[in-house]
Amino acid sequence: MDLEKFFDTVCQSKLVEVLSRTIKDGRVISLIHKYLNAGVIADGMFERTEKGMPQGGPLSPLLSNIMLNELDKELERRGHRFVRYADDCMIFCKSKKSAERTLENIIPFIY
């Protein structure tokens, strides 16, 4: 499965919560929060970024992997076999019904 538009839909508050579990320096968390909320220029107009993360910057791959690491841990905890590279993921299930149930149950860890 391709986590379609993952970078555009990341919940910023959830990401900051995940980061806050290991990063105890509030200044670093504050800088990351400012980076996420910096906004973008699209068609010559400034747009706020209330969700998602900027793409193309050096932090985007790191932050997305930190966020998707939560998914990896949950899949491991449930005993699933999977392969993930950035926002592309394959979860191996024994049946179509099992795959549908797995997909339904992992959505909260993605968005």
PDB file of N, CA and C in Angstrom:
ATOM      1  N   MET A   1       0.844  -1.168   0.000  1.00  0.00           N
ATOM      2  CA  MET A   1       0.000   0.000   0.000  1.00  0.00           C
ATOM      3  C   MET A   1       0.885   1.224   0.000  1.00  0.00           C
ATOM      4  N   ASP A   2       0.463   2.233  -0.684  1.00  0.00           N
ATOM      5  CA  ASP A   2       1.159   3.509  -0.692  1.00  0.00           C
ATOM      6  C   ASP A   2       0.353   4.416   0.224  1.00  0.00           C
ATOM      7  N   LEU A   3       0.980   4.948   1.224  1.00  0.00           N
ATOM      8  CA  LEU A   3       0.278   5.834   2.145  1.00  0.00           C
ATOM      9  C   LEU A   3       0.080   7.165   1.436  1.00  0.00           C
ATOM     10  N   GLU A   4      -0.936   7.167   0.588  1.00  0.00           N
ATOM     11  CA  GLU A   4      -1.200   8.286  -0.310  1.00  0.00           C
ATOM     12  C   GLU A   4      -1.283   9.603   0.444  1.00  0.00           C
ATOM     13  N   LYS A   5      -0.567  10.579  -0.073  1.00  0.00           N
ATOM     14  CA  LYS A   5      -0.548  11.929   0.493  1.00  0.00           C
ATOM     15  C   LYS A   5      -0.143  11.932   1.967  1.00  0.00           C
ATOM     16  N   PHE A   6       0.693  10.961   2.364  1.00  0.00           N
ATOM     17  CA  PHE A   6       1.101  10.870   3.767  1.00  0.00           C
ATOM     18  C   PHE A   6       1.689  12.178   4.263  1.00  0.00           C
ATOM     19  N   PHE A   7       2.633  12.749   3.498  1.00  0.00           N
ATOM     20  CA  PHE A   7       3.296  13.973   3.938  1.00  0.00           C
ATOM     21  C   PHE A   7       2.302  15.129   4.087  1.00  0.00           C
ATOM     22  N   ASP A   8       1.258  15.126   3.261  1.00  0.00           N
ATOM     23  CA  ASP A   8       0.270  16.207   3.299  1.00  0.00           C
ATOM     24  C   ASP A   8      -0.749  16.048   4.413  1.00  0.00           C
ATOM     25  N   THR A   9      -0.859  14.845   4.978  1.00  0.00           N
ATOM     26  CA  THR A   9      -1.933  14.594   5.934  1.00  0.00           C
ATOM     27  C   THR A   9      -1.466  14.252   7.343  1.00  0.00           C
ATOM     28  N   VAL A  10      -0.165  14.255   7.585  1.00  0.00           N
ATOM     29  CA  VAL A  10       0.339  13.929   8.918  1.00  0.00           C
ATOM     30  C   VAL A  10      -0.297  14.865   9.946  1.00  0.00           C
ATOM     31  N   CYS A  11      -0.783  14.277  11.023  1.00  0.00           N
ATOM     32  CA  CYS A  11      -1.344  15.066  12.111  1.00  0.00           C
ATOM     33  C   CYS A  11      -0.175  15.665  12.903  1.00  0.00           C
ATOM     34  N   GLN A  12      -0.036  16.985  12.838  1.00  0.00           N
ATOM     35  CA  GLN A  12       1.099  17.643  13.473  1.00  0.00           C
ATOM     36  C   GLN A  12       1.108  17.456  14.986  1.00  0.00           C
ATOM     37  N   SER A  13      -0.057  17.518  15.614  1.00  0.00           N
ATOM     38  CA  SER A  13      -0.098  17.378  17.077  1.00  0.00           C
ATOM     39  C   SER A  13       0.316  15.971  17.494  1.00  0.00           C
ATOM     40  N   LYS A  14      -0.080  14.970  16.716  1.00  0.00           N
ATOM     41  CA  LYS A  14       0.328  13.594  17.026  1.00  0.00           C
ATOM     42  C   LYS A  14       1.836  13.435  16.851  1.00  0.00           C
ATOM     43  N   LEU A  15       2.378  14.043  15.801  1.00  0.00           N
ATOM     44  CA  LEU A  15       3.817  13.985  15.566  1.00  0.00           C
ATOM     45  C   LEU A  15       4.579  14.640  16.716  1.00  0.00           C
ATOM     46  N   VAL A  16       4.137  15.807  17.147  1.00  0.00           N
ATOM     47  CA  VAL A  16       4.794  16.510  18.259  1.00  0.00           C
ATOM     48  C   VAL A  16       4.687  15.671  19.534  1.00  0.00           C
ATOM     49  N   GLU A  17       3.558  14.996  19.732  1.00  0.00           N
ATOM     50  CA  GLU A  17       3.396  14.119  20.900  1.00  0.00           C
ATOM     51  C   GLU A  17       4.407  12.978  20.861  1.00  0.00           C
ATOM     52  N   VAL A  18       4.561  12.347  19.703  1.00  0.00           N
ATOM     53  CA  VAL A  18       5.518  11.246  19.544  1.00  0.00           C
ATOM     54  C   VAL A  18       6.937  11.758  19.799  1.00  0.00           C
ATOM     55  N   LEU A  19       7.275  12.908  19.250  1.00  0.00           N
ATOM     56  CA  LEU A  19       8.609  13.483  19.452  1.00  0.00           C
ATOM     57  C   LEU A  19       8.862  13.825  20.916  1.00  0.00           C
ATOM     58  N   SER A  20       7.831  14.315  21.595  1.00  0.00           N
ATOM     59  CA  SER A  20       7.972  14.737  22.991  1.00  0.00           C
ATOM     60  C   SER A  20       8.258  13.577  23.935  1.00  0.00           C
ATOM     61  N   ARG A  21       7.953  12.375  23.500  1.00  0.00           N
ATOM     62  CA  ARG A  21       8.238  11.206  24.343  1.00  0.00           C
ATOM     63  C   ARG A  21       9.734  10.983  24.513  1.00  0.00           C
ATOM     64  N   THR A  22      10.519  11.361  23.510  1.00  0.00           N
ATOM     65  CA  THR A  22      11.965  11.126  23.599  1.00  0.00           C
ATOM     66  C   THR A  22      12.782  12.409  23.653  1.00  0.00           C
ATOM     67  N   ILE A  23      12.275  13.475  23.072  1.00  0.00           N
ATOM     68  CA  ILE A  23      13.009  14.743  23.093  1.00  0.00           C
ATOM     69  C   ILE A  23      12.494  15.560  24.268  1.00  0.00           C
ATOM     70  N   LYS A  24      13.337  15.741  25.247  1.00  0.00           N
ATOM     71  CA  LYS A  24      12.917  16.436  26.472  1.00  0.00           C
ATOM     72  C   LYS A  24      13.226  17.933  26.452  1.00  0.00           C
ATOM     73  N   ASP A  25      13.962  18.374  25.452  1.00  0.00           N
ATOM     74  CA  ASP A  25      14.302  19.791  25.337  1.00  0.00           C
ATOM     75  C   ASP A  25      13.161  20.512  24.618  1.00  0.00           C
ATOM     76  N   GLY A  26      12.425  21.312  25.355  1.00  0.00           N
ATOM     77  CA  GLY A  26      11.285  22.037  24.806  1.00  0.00           C
ATOM     78  C   GLY A  26      11.653  22.967  23.666  1.00  0.00           C
ATOM     79  N   ARG A  27      12.892  23.461  23.655  1.00  0.00           N
ATOM     80  CA  ARG A  27      13.323  24.353  22.577  1.00  0.00           C
ATOM     81  C   ARG A  27      13.360  23.614  21.243  1.00  0.00           C
ATOM     82  N   VAL A  28      13.794  22.357  21.260  1.00  0.00           N
ATOM     83  CA  VAL A  28      13.847  21.557  20.030  1.00  0.00           C
ATOM     84  C   VAL A  28      12.428  21.272  19.546  1.00  0.00           C
ATOM     85  N   ILE A  29      11.558  20.892  20.460  1.00  0.00           N
ATOM     86  CA  ILE A  29      10.153  20.635  20.107  1.00  0.00           C
ATOM     87  C   ILE A  29       9.528  21.905  19.526  1.00  0.00           C
ATOM     88  N   SER A  30       9.814  23.040  20.134  1.00  0.00           N
ATOM     89  CA  SER A  30       9.282  24.317  19.657  1.00  0.00           C
ATOM     90  C   SER A  30       9.776  24.631  18.240  1.00  0.00           C
ATOM     91  N   LEU A  31      11.049  24.392  17.970  1.00  0.00           N
ATOM     92  CA  LEU A  31      11.591  24.626  16.622  1.00  0.00           C
ATOM     93  C   LEU A  31      10.924  23.723  15.587  1.00  0.00           C
ATOM     94  N   ILE A  32      10.735  22.459  15.937  1.00  0.00           N
ATOM     95  CA  ILE A  32      10.077  21.527  15.007  1.00  0.00           C
ATOM     96  C   ILE A  32       8.640  21.967  14.775  1.00  0.00           C
ATOM     97  N   HIS A  33       7.969  22.390  15.828  1.00  0.00           N
ATOM     98  CA  HIS A  33       6.583  22.865  15.704  1.00  0.00           C
ATOM     99  C   HIS A  33       6.520  24.086  14.784  1.00  0.00           C
ATOM    100  N   LYS A  34       7.463  24.997  14.926  1.00  0.00           N
ATOM    101  CA  LYS A  34       7.512  26.175  14.051  1.00  0.00           C
ATOM    102  C   LYS A  34       7.785  25.772  12.605  1.00  0.00           C
ATOM    103  N   TYR A  35       8.653  24.802  12.412  1.00  0.00           N
ATOM    104  CA  TYR A  35       8.948  24.294  11.072  1.00  0.00           C
ATOM    105  C   TYR A  35       7.680  23.737  10.429  1.00  0.00           C
ATOM    106  N   LEU A  36       6.915  22.962  11.204  1.00  0.00           N
ATOM    107  CA  LEU A  36       5.686  22.368  10.683  1.00  0.00           C
ATOM    108  C   LEU A  36       4.644  23.425  10.336  1.00  0.00           C
ATOM    109  N   ASN A  37       4.605  24.517  11.103  1.00  0.00           N
ATOM    110  CA  ASN A  37       3.602  25.558  10.916  1.00  0.00           C
ATOM    111  C   ASN A  37       4.086  26.736  10.081  1.00  0.00           C
ATOM    112  N   ALA A  38       5.243  26.607   9.454  1.00  0.00           N
ATOM    113  CA  ALA A  38       5.834  27.739   8.726  1.00  0.00           C
ATOM    114  C   ALA A  38       4.993  28.190   7.542  1.00  0.00           C
ATOM    115  N   GLY A  39       4.206  27.292   6.966  1.00  0.00           N
ATOM    116  CA  GLY A  39       3.392  27.650   5.810  1.00  0.00           C
ATOM    117  C   GLY A  39       4.163  27.474   4.514  1.00  0.00           C
ATOM    118  N   VAL A  40       3.445  27.664   3.419  1.00  0.00           N
ATOM    119  CA  VAL A  40       4.048  27.525   2.090  1.00  0.00           C
ATOM    120  C   VAL A  40       3.546  28.637   1.180  1.00  0.00           C
ATOM    121  N   ILE A  41       4.295  28.891   0.135  1.00  0.00           N
ATOM    122  CA  ILE A  41       3.860  29.818  -0.908  1.00  0.00           C
ATOM    123  C   ILE A  41       3.388  28.962  -2.081  1.00  0.00           C
ATOM    124  N   ALA A  42       2.122  29.082  -2.427  1.00  0.00           N
ATOM    125  CA  ALA A  42       1.555  28.336  -3.553  1.00  0.00           C
ATOM    126  C   ALA A  42       0.890  29.328  -4.490  1.00  0.00           C
ATOM    127  N   ASP A  43       1.297  29.313  -5.742  1.00  0.00           N
ATOM    128  CA  ASP A  43       0.769  30.247  -6.744  1.00  0.00           C
ATOM    129  C   ASP A  43       0.925  31.699  -6.282  1.00  0.00           C
ATOM    130  N   GLY A  44       2.044  31.997  -5.640  1.00  0.00           N
ATOM    131  CA  GLY A  44       2.337  33.356  -5.199  1.00  0.00           C
ATOM    132  C   GLY A  44       1.596  33.792  -3.948  1.00  0.00           C
ATOM    133  N   MET A  45       0.824  32.887  -3.338  1.00  0.00           N
ATOM    134  CA  MET A  45       0.055  33.239  -2.132  1.00  0.00           C
ATOM    135  C   MET A  45       0.529  32.384  -0.959  1.00  0.00           C
ATOM    136  N   PHE A  46       0.587  32.999   0.214  1.00  0.00           N
ATOM    137  CA  PHE A  46       0.961  32.285   1.433  1.00  0.00           C
ATOM    138  C   PHE A  46      -0.210  31.436   1.917  1.00  0.00           C
ATOM    139  N   GLU A  47       0.064  30.183   2.266  1.00  0.00           N
ATOM    140  CA  GLU A  47      -0.951  29.286   2.822  1.00  0.00           C
ATOM    141  C   GLU A  47      -0.443  28.721   4.134  1.00  0.00           C
ATOM    142  N   ARG A  48      -1.284  28.755   5.156  1.00  0.00           N
ATOM    143  CA  ARG A  48      -0.938  28.155   6.449  1.00  0.00           C
ATOM    144  C   ARG A  48      -0.852  26.636   6.294  1.00  0.00           C
ATOM    145  N   THR A  49      -0.024  26.021   7.100  1.00  0.00           N
ATOM    146  CA  THR A  49       0.060  24.557   7.116  1.00  0.00           C
ATOM    147  C   THR A  49      -0.367  24.079   8.495  1.00  0.00           C
ATOM    148  N   GLU A  50      -1.636  23.708   8.597  1.00  0.00           N
ATOM    149  CA  GLU A  50      -2.166  23.237   9.872  1.00  0.00           C
ATOM    150  C   GLU A  50      -2.081  21.724  10.001  1.00  0.00           C
ATOM    151  N   LYS A  51      -1.851  21.044   8.886  1.00  0.00           N
ATOM    152  CA  LYS A  51      -1.615  19.605   8.916  1.00  0.00           C
ATOM    153  C   LYS A  51      -0.561  19.290   7.878  1.00  0.00           C
ATOM    154  N   GLY A  52      -0.003  18.103   7.979  1.00  0.00           N
ATOM    155  CA  GLY A  52       1.041  17.713   7.050  1.00  0.00           C
ATOM    156  C   GLY A  52       2.384  18.300   7.431  1.00  0.00           C
ATOM    157  N   MET A  53       3.368  18.019   6.584  1.00  0.00           N
ATOM    158  CA  MET A  53       4.710  18.560   6.814  1.00  0.00           C
ATOM    159  C   MET A  53       5.316  18.983   5.486  1.00  0.00           C
ATOM    160  N   PRO A  54       6.186  19.989   5.519  1.00  0.00           N
ATOM    161  CA  PRO A  54       6.818  20.454   4.287  1.00  0.00           C
ATOM    162  C   PRO A  54       7.616  19.327   3.630  1.00  0.00           C
ATOM    163  N   GLN A  55       7.512  19.234   2.320  1.00  0.00           N
ATOM    164  CA  GLN A  55       8.244  18.209   1.591  1.00  0.00           C
ATOM    165  C   GLN A  55       9.477  18.825   0.941  1.00  0.00           C
ATOM    166  N   GLY A  56      10.494  18.019   0.810  1.00  0.00           N
ATOM    167  CA  GLY A  56      11.703  18.472   0.140  1.00  0.00           C
ATOM    168  C   GLY A  56      12.752  19.017   1.089  1.00  0.00           C
ATOM    169  N   GLY A  57      12.388  19.252   2.326  1.00  0.00           N
ATOM    170  CA  GLY A  57      13.352  19.734   3.294  1.00  0.00           C
ATOM    171  C   GLY A  57      14.078  18.580   3.965  1.00  0.00           C
ATOM    172  N   PRO A  58      15.149  18.879   4.665  1.00  0.00           N
ATOM    173  CA  PRO A  58      15.933  17.819   5.295  1.00  0.00           C
ATOM    174  C   PRO A  58      15.212  17.127   6.452  1.00  0.00           C
ATOM    175  N   LEU A  59      14.253  17.794   7.066  1.00  0.00           N
ATOM    176  CA  LEU A  59      13.550  17.183   8.195  1.00  0.00           C
ATOM    177  C   LEU A  59      12.414  16.261   7.792  1.00  0.00           C
ATOM    178  N   SER A  60      11.853  16.438   6.614  1.00  0.00           N
ATOM    179  CA  SER A  60      10.675  15.663   6.214  1.00  0.00           C
ATOM    180  C   SER A  60      10.890  14.151   6.262  1.00  0.00           C
ATOM    181  N   PRO A  61      11.958  13.621   5.665  1.00  0.00           N
ATOM    182  CA  PRO A  61      12.148  12.164   5.737  1.00  0.00           C
ATOM    183  C   PRO A  61      12.353  11.678   7.171  1.00  0.00           C
ATOM    184  N   LEU A  62      13.083  12.446   7.955  1.00  0.00           N
ATOM    185  CA  LEU A  62      13.330  12.060   9.341  1.00  0.00           C
ATOM    186  C   LEU A  62      12.027  12.049  10.139  1.00  0.00           C
ATOM    187  N   LEU A  63      11.243  13.124  10.034  1.00  0.00           N
ATOM    188  CA  LEU A  63       9.991  13.208  10.781  1.00  0.00           C
ATOM    189  C   LEU A  63       8.987  12.153  10.341  1.00  0.00           C
ATOM    190  N   SER A  64       8.940  11.870   9.038  1.00  0.00           N
ATOM    191  CA  SER A  64       7.989  10.848   8.572  1.00  0.00           C
ATOM    192  C   SER A  64       8.390   9.472   9.082  1.00  0.00           C
ATOM    193  N   ASN A  65       9.679   9.184   9.108  1.00  0.00           N
ATOM    194  CA  ASN A  65      10.115   7.890   9.630  1.00  0.00           C
ATOM    195  C   ASN A  65       9.887   7.777  11.130  1.00  0.00           C
ATOM    196  N   ILE A  66      10.019   8.861  11.848  1.00  0.00           N
ATOM    197  CA  ILE A  66       9.706   8.843  13.281  1.00  0.00           C
ATOM    198  C   ILE A  66       8.231   8.528  13.470  1.00  0.00           C
ATOM    199  N   MET A  67       7.385   9.167  12.678  1.00  0.00           N
ATOM    200  CA  MET A  67       5.946   8.942  12.774  1.00  0.00           C
ATOM    201  C   MET A  67       5.590   7.510  12.362  1.00  0.00           C
ATOM    202  N   LEU A  68       6.142   7.040  11.259  1.00  0.00           N
ATOM    203  CA  LEU A  68       5.812   5.703  10.770  1.00  0.00           C
ATOM    204  C   LEU A  68       6.464   4.604  11.601  1.00  0.00           C
ATOM    205  N   ASN A  69       7.454   4.948  12.413  1.00  0.00           N
ATOM    206  CA  ASN A  69       8.029   3.985  13.338  1.00  0.00           C
ATOM    207  C   ASN A  69       6.966   3.491  14.321  1.00  0.00           C
ATOM    208  N   GLU A  70       6.009   4.345  14.650  1.00  0.00           N
ATOM    209  CA  GLU A  70       4.888   3.948  15.514  1.00  0.00           C
ATOM    210  C   GLU A  70       4.086   2.834  14.842  1.00  0.00           C
ATOM    211  N   LEU A  71       3.871   2.962  13.537  1.00  0.00           N
ATOM    212  CA  LEU A  71       3.178   1.920  12.781  1.00  0.00           C
ATOM    213  C   LEU A  71       4.003   0.637  12.792  1.00  0.00           C
ATOM    214  N   ASP A  72       5.299   0.745  12.557  1.00  0.00           N
ATOM    215  CA  ASP A  72       6.178  -0.428  12.556  1.00  0.00           C
ATOM    216  C   ASP A  72       6.078  -1.178  13.885  1.00  0.00           C
ATOM    217  N   LYS A  73       6.134  -0.451  14.989  1.00  0.00           N
ATOM    218  CA  LYS A  73       6.064  -1.075  16.315  1.00  0.00           C
ATOM    219  C   LYS A  73       4.738  -1.809  16.513  1.00  0.00           C
ATOM    220  N   GLU A  74       3.659  -1.191  16.065  1.00  0.00           N
ATOM    221  CA  GLU A  74       2.350  -1.814  16.214  1.00  0.00           C
ATOM    222  C   GLU A  74       2.236  -3.067  15.359  1.00  0.00           C
ATOM    223  N   LEU A  75       2.726  -3.024  14.135  1.00  0.00           N
ATOM    224  CA  LEU A  75       2.692  -4.201  13.273  1.00  0.00           C
ATOM    225  C   LEU A  75       3.533  -5.335  13.864  1.00  0.00           C
ATOM    226  N   GLU A  76       4.681  -4.992  14.418  1.00  0.00           N
ATOM    227  CA  GLU A  76       5.527  -6.006  15.073  1.00  0.00           C
ATOM    228  C   GLU A  76       4.817  -6.589  16.281  1.00  0.00           C
ATOM    229  N   ARG A  77       4.188  -5.718  17.080  1.00  0.00           N
ATOM    230  CA  ARG A  77       3.477  -6.167  18.282  1.00  0.00           C
ATOM    231  C   ARG A  77       2.374  -7.157  17.927  1.00  0.00           C
ATOM    232  N   ARG A  78       1.727  -6.933  16.796  1.00  0.00           N
ATOM    233  CA  ARG A  78       0.636  -7.806  16.354  1.00  0.00           C
ATOM    234  C   ARG A  78       1.130  -9.043  15.602  1.00  0.00           C
ATOM    235  N   GLY A  79       2.438  -9.136  15.396  1.00  0.00           N
ATOM    236  CA  GLY A  79       3.004 -10.310  14.754  1.00  0.00           C
ATOM    237  C   GLY A  79       2.888 -10.329  13.240  1.00  0.00           C
ATOM    238  N   HIS A  80       2.660  -9.183  12.623  1.00  0.00           N
ATOM    239  CA  HIS A  80       2.544  -9.119  11.169  1.00  0.00           C
ATOM    240  C   HIS A  80       3.921  -9.122  10.520  1.00  0.00           C
ATOM    241  N   ARG A  81       3.971  -9.673   9.332  1.00  0.00           N
ATOM    242  CA  ARG A  81       5.180  -9.570   8.503  1.00  0.00           C
ATOM    243  C   ARG A  81       4.956  -8.407   7.561  1.00  0.00           C
ATOM    244  N   PHE A  82       5.930  -7.532   7.462  1.00  0.00           N
ATOM    245  CA  PHE A  82       5.764  -6.329   6.645  1.00  0.00           C
ATOM    246  C   PHE A  82       7.106  -5.801   6.202  1.00  0.00           C
ATOM    247  N   VAL A  83       7.058  -4.973   5.174  1.00  0.00           N
ATOM    248  CA  VAL A  83       8.227  -4.250   4.674  1.00  0.00           C
ATOM    249  C   VAL A  83       7.765  -2.822   4.444  1.00  0.00           C
ATOM    250  N   ARG A  84       8.553  -1.860   4.918  1.00  0.00           N
ATOM    251  CA  ARG A  84       8.202  -0.459   4.709  1.00  0.00           C
ATOM    252  C   ARG A  84       9.440   0.296   4.272  1.00  0.00           C
ATOM    253  N   TYR A  85       9.273   1.131   3.255  1.00  0.00           N
ATOM    254  CA  TYR A  85      10.317   2.046   2.819  1.00  0.00           C
ATOM    255  C   TYR A  85       9.649   3.401   2.648  1.00  0.00           C
ATOM    256  N   ALA A  86      10.010   4.346   3.505  1.00  0.00           N
ATOM    257  CA  ALA A  86       9.386   5.676   3.520  1.00  0.00           C
ATOM    258  C   ALA A  86       7.877   5.511   3.658  1.00  0.00           C
ATOM    259  N   ASP A  87       7.113   6.019   2.690  1.00  0.00           N
ATOM    260  CA  ASP A  87       5.654   5.937   2.833  1.00  0.00           C
ATOM    261  C   ASP A  87       5.052   4.796   2.003  1.00  0.00           C
ATOM    262  N   ASP A  88       5.877   3.866   1.565  1.00  0.00           N
ATOM    263  CA  ASP A  88       5.389   2.666   0.885  1.00  0.00           C
ATOM    264  C   ASP A  88       5.503   1.491   1.852  1.00  0.00           C
ATOM    265  N   CYS A  89       4.437   0.701   1.934  1.00  0.00           N
ATOM    266  CA  CYS A  89       4.413  -0.384   2.905  1.00  0.00           C
ATOM    267  C   CYS A  89       3.701  -1.596   2.325  1.00  0.00           C
ATOM    268  N   MET A  90       4.242  -2.772   2.615  1.00  0.00           N
ATOM    269  CA  MET A  90       3.581  -4.028   2.249  1.00  0.00           C
ATOM    270  C   MET A  90       3.404  -4.825   3.537  1.00  0.00           C
ATOM    271  N   ILE A  91       2.161  -5.205   3.815  1.00  0.00           N
ATOM    272  CA  ILE A  91       1.857  -6.035   4.972  1.00  0.00           C
ATOM    273  C   ILE A  91       1.354  -7.365   4.420  1.00  0.00           C
ATOM    274  N   PHE A  92       1.969  -8.441   4.843  1.00  0.00           N
ATOM    275  CA  PHE A  92       1.646  -9.755   4.301  1.00  0.00           C
ATOM    276  C   PHE A  92       0.648 -10.459   5.207  1.00  0.00           C
ATOM    277  N   CYS A  93      -0.509 -10.813   4.637  1.00  0.00           N
ATOM    278  CA  CYS A  93      -1.577 -11.481   5.371  1.00  0.00           C
ATOM    279  C   CYS A  93      -1.917 -12.788   4.668  1.00  0.00           C
ATOM    280  N   LYS A  94      -2.575 -13.692   5.408  1.00  0.00           N
ATOM    281  CA  LYS A  94      -2.897 -15.012   4.855  1.00  0.00           C
ATOM    282  C   LYS A  94      -4.156 -15.021   4.007  1.00  0.00           C
ATOM    283  N   SER A  95      -5.031 -14.046   4.216  1.00  0.00           N
ATOM    284  CA  SER A  95      -6.275 -14.030   3.441  1.00  0.00           C
ATOM    285  C   SER A  95      -6.694 -12.591   3.162  1.00  0.00           C
ATOM    286  N   LYS A  96      -7.606 -12.444   2.223  1.00  0.00           N
ATOM    287  CA  LYS A  96      -8.132 -11.116   1.895  1.00  0.00           C
ATOM    288  C   LYS A  96      -8.861 -10.531   3.101  1.00  0.00           C
ATOM    289  N   LYS A  97      -9.629 -11.349   3.797  1.00  0.00           N
ATOM    290  CA  LYS A  97     -10.368 -10.887   4.976  1.00  0.00           C
ATOM    291  C   LYS A  97      -9.402 -10.402   6.065  1.00  0.00           C
ATOM    292  N   SER A  98      -8.324 -11.144   6.267  1.00  0.00           N
ATOM    293  CA  SER A  98      -7.308 -10.747   7.243  1.00  0.00           C
ATOM    294  C   SER A  98      -6.655  -9.431   6.833  1.00  0.00           C
ATOM    295  N   ALA A  99      -6.389  -9.272   5.540  1.00  0.00           N
ATOM    296  CA  ALA A  99      -5.779  -8.032   5.039  1.00  0.00           C
ATOM    297  C   ALA A  99      -6.710  -6.847   5.252  1.00  0.00           C
ATOM    298  N   GLU A 100      -7.993  -7.026   4.988  1.00  0.00           N
ATOM    299  CA  GLU A 100      -8.970  -5.938   5.176  1.00  0.00           C
ATOM    300  C   GLU A 100      -9.064  -5.556   6.650  1.00  0.00           C
ATOM    301  N   ARG A 101      -9.086  -6.557   7.525  1.00  0.00           N
ATOM    302  CA  ARG A 101      -9.163  -6.293   8.972  1.00  0.00           C
ATOM    303  C   ARG A 101      -7.900  -5.578   9.455  1.00  0.00           C
ATOM    304  N   THR A 102      -6.755  -6.015   8.958  1.00  0.00           N
ATOM    305  CA  THR A 102      -5.487  -5.384   9.337  1.00  0.00           C
ATOM    306  C   THR A 102      -5.456  -3.928   8.906  1.00  0.00           C
ATOM    307  N   LEU A 103      -5.859  -3.674   7.665  1.00  0.00           N
ATOM    308  CA  LEU A 103      -5.868  -2.302   7.154  1.00  0.00           C
ATOM    309  C   LEU A 103      -6.778  -1.416   8.004  1.00  0.00           C
ATOM    310  N   GLU A 104      -7.960  -1.921   8.319  1.00  0.00           N
ATOM    311  CA  GLU A 104      -8.914  -1.155   9.125  1.00  0.00           C
ATOM    312  C   GLU A 104      -8.346  -0.825  10.507  1.00  0.00           C
ATOM    313  N   ASN A 105      -7.613  -1.782  11.092  1.00  0.00           N
ATOM    314  CA  ASN A 105      -7.087  -1.591  12.442  1.00  0.00           C
ATOM    315  C   ASN A 105      -5.829  -0.733  12.523  1.00  0.00           C
ATOM    316  N   ILE A 106      -5.101  -0.592  11.414  1.00  0.00           N
ATOM    317  CA  ILE A 106      -3.866   0.197  11.473  1.00  0.00           C
ATOM    318  C   ILE A 106      -4.052   1.647  11.072  1.00  0.00           C
ATOM    319  N   ILE A 107      -5.185   1.981  10.501  1.00  0.00           N
ATOM    320  CA  ILE A 107      -5.434   3.362  10.074  1.00  0.00           C
ATOM    321  C   ILE A 107      -5.157   4.378  11.189  1.00  0.00           C
ATOM    322  N   PRO A 108      -5.574   4.130  12.450  1.00  0.00           N
ATOM    323  CA  PRO A 108      -5.275   5.112  13.509  1.00  0.00           C
ATOM    324  C   PRO A 108      -3.785   5.376  13.738  1.00  0.00           C
ATOM    325  N   PHE A 109      -2.922   4.430  13.369  1.00  0.00           N
ATOM    326  CA  PHE A 109      -1.486   4.634  13.568  1.00  0.00           C
ATOM    327  C   PHE A 109      -0.870   5.427  12.427  1.00  0.00           C
ATOM    328  N   ILE A 110      -1.620   5.606  11.356  1.00  0.00           N
ATOM    329  CA  ILE A 110      -1.098   6.318  10.196  1.00  0.00           C
ATOM    330  C   ILE A 110      -1.548   7.759  10.185  1.00  0.00           C
ATOM    331  N   TYR A 111      -2.819   8.013  10.491  1.00  0.00           N
ATOM    332  CA  TYR A 111      -3.373   9.379  10.392  1.00  0.00           C
ATOM    333  C   TYR A 111      -3.812   9.919  11.716  1.00  0.00           C
TER     334      TYR A 111
END
